[in-house]
Amino acid sequence: MGVRPYSVREYARLQGLKDDFIFPVSSTAAYRQIGNGVSRHVGMWIGNEMNRYINQIRAA
């Protein structure tokens, strides 16, 4: 049995997008958008770390 590639929807789920998110572009463009995107969980973590750093600088 061969290995199939993930669908656009499966990649979107891995990025944390909800199932009702609509990609109004071709499948090729949707794959590119997902590949170039940053997971919302990673973005949230980066934002929280930046906020923590800024608060440390202000407190110093």
C-alpha atoms as a PDB file:
ATOM      1  CA  MET A   1       0.000   0.000   0.000  1.00  0.00           C
ATOM      2  CA  GLY A   2       1.406   3.387  -1.011  1.00  0.00           C
ATOM      3  CA  VAL A   3       1.575   6.570   0.997  1.00  0.00           C
ATOM      4  CA  ARG A   4      -0.817   9.287  -0.104  1.00  0.00           C
ATOM      5  CA  PRO A   5      -0.098  13.009   0.245  1.00  0.00           C
ATOM      6  CA  TYR A   6      -2.041  15.032   2.799  1.00  0.00           C
ATOM      7  CA  SER A   7      -5.006  17.023   1.530  1.00  0.00           C
ATOM      8  CA  VAL A   8      -5.283  20.803   1.838  1.00  0.00           C
ATOM      9  CA  ARG A   9      -7.785  20.307   4.675  1.00  0.00           C
ATOM     10  CA  GLU A  10      -5.432  17.975   6.566  1.00  0.00           C
ATOM     11  CA  TYR A  11      -2.578  20.479   6.299  1.00  0.00           C
ATOM     12  CA  ALA A  12      -4.933  23.249   7.437  1.00  0.00           C
ATOM     13  CA  ARG A  13      -5.831  21.194  10.516  1.00  0.00           C
ATOM     14  CA  LEU A  14      -2.146  20.720  11.292  1.00  0.00           C
ATOM     15  CA  GLN A  15      -1.754  24.505  11.177  1.00  0.00           C
ATOM     16  CA  GLY A  16      -4.623  24.885  13.650  1.00  0.00           C
ATOM     17  CA  LEU A  17      -7.234  26.206  11.218  1.00  0.00           C
ATOM     18  CA  LYS A  18     -10.862  25.287  11.833  1.00  0.00           C
ATOM     19  CA  ASP A  19     -12.655  22.949   9.442  1.00  0.00           C
ATOM     20  CA  ASP A  20     -14.976  25.716   8.235  1.00  0.00           C
ATOM     21  CA  PHE A  21     -12.046  27.851   7.014  1.00  0.00           C
ATOM     22  CA  ILE A  22     -12.476  28.401   3.269  1.00  0.00           C
ATOM     23  CA  PHE A  23      -9.594  28.742   0.824  1.00  0.00           C
ATOM     24  CA  PRO A  24     -10.978  30.863  -2.050  1.00  0.00           C
ATOM     25  CA  VAL A  25      -8.050  29.893  -4.279  1.00  0.00           C
ATOM     26  CA  SER A  26      -6.876  26.860  -6.234  1.00  0.00           C
ATOM     27  CA  SER A  27      -5.527  23.807  -4.412  1.00  0.00           C
ATOM     28  CA  THR A  28      -2.001  24.688  -5.505  1.00  0.00           C
ATOM     29  CA  ALA A  29      -2.316  28.191  -4.060  1.00  0.00           C
ATOM     30  CA  ALA A  30      -3.885  26.798  -0.876  1.00  0.00           C
ATOM     31  CA  TYR A  31      -0.952  24.400  -0.397  1.00  0.00           C
ATOM     32  CA  ARG A  32       1.423  27.350  -0.862  1.00  0.00           C
ATOM     33  CA  GLN A  33      -0.469  29.548   1.605  1.00  0.00           C
ATOM     34  CA  ILE A  34      -0.479  26.838   4.253  1.00  0.00           C
ATOM     35  CA  GLY A  35       3.196  26.104   3.662  1.00  0.00           C
ATOM     36  CA  ASN A  36       4.116  29.773   4.020  1.00  0.00           C
ATOM     37  CA  GLY A  37       1.919  30.267   7.073  1.00  0.00           C
ATOM     38  CA  VAL A  38       2.872  30.164  10.717  1.00  0.00           C
ATOM     39  CA  SER A  39       0.824  27.941  12.989  1.00  0.00           C
ATOM     40  CA  ARG A  40      -1.381  30.071  15.221  1.00  0.00           C
ATOM     41  CA  HIS A  41       0.014  28.223  18.230  1.00  0.00           C
ATOM     42  CA  VAL A  42       3.568  29.168  17.275  1.00  0.00           C
ATOM     43  CA  GLY A  43       2.494  32.759  16.576  1.00  0.00           C
ATOM     44  CA  MET A  44       0.801  32.950  19.946  1.00  0.00           C
ATOM     45  CA  TRP A  45       3.901  31.586  21.697  1.00  0.00           C
ATOM     46  CA  ILE A  46       6.154  34.123  19.919  1.00  0.00           C
ATOM     47  CA  GLY A  47       3.781  36.971  20.838  1.00  0.00           C
ATOM     48  CA  ASN A  48       3.695  35.910  24.485  1.00  0.00           C
ATOM     49  CA  GLU A  49       7.496  35.686  24.631  1.00  0.00           C
ATOM     50  CA  MET A  50       7.835  39.140  23.054  1.00  0.00           C
ATOM     51  CA  ASN A  51       5.351  40.547  25.559  1.00  0.00           C
ATOM     52  CA  ARG A  52       7.240  38.950  28.458  1.00  0.00           C
ATOM     53  CA  TYR A  53      10.530  40.404  27.172  1.00  0.00           C
ATOM     54  CA  ILE A  54       9.069  43.898  26.756  1.00  0.00           C
ATOM     55  CA  ASN A  55       7.634  43.767  30.272  1.00  0.00           C
ATOM     56  CA  GLN A  56      11.062  42.765  31.644  1.00  0.00           C
ATOM     57  CA  ILE A  57      12.671  45.730  29.890  1.00  0.00           C
ATOM     58  CA  ARG A  58      10.035  48.137  31.262  1.00  0.00           C
ATOM     59  CA  ALA A  59      10.483  46.796  34.788  1.00  0.00           C
ATOM     60  CA  ALA A  60      14.268  47.246  34.682  1.00  0.00           C
END
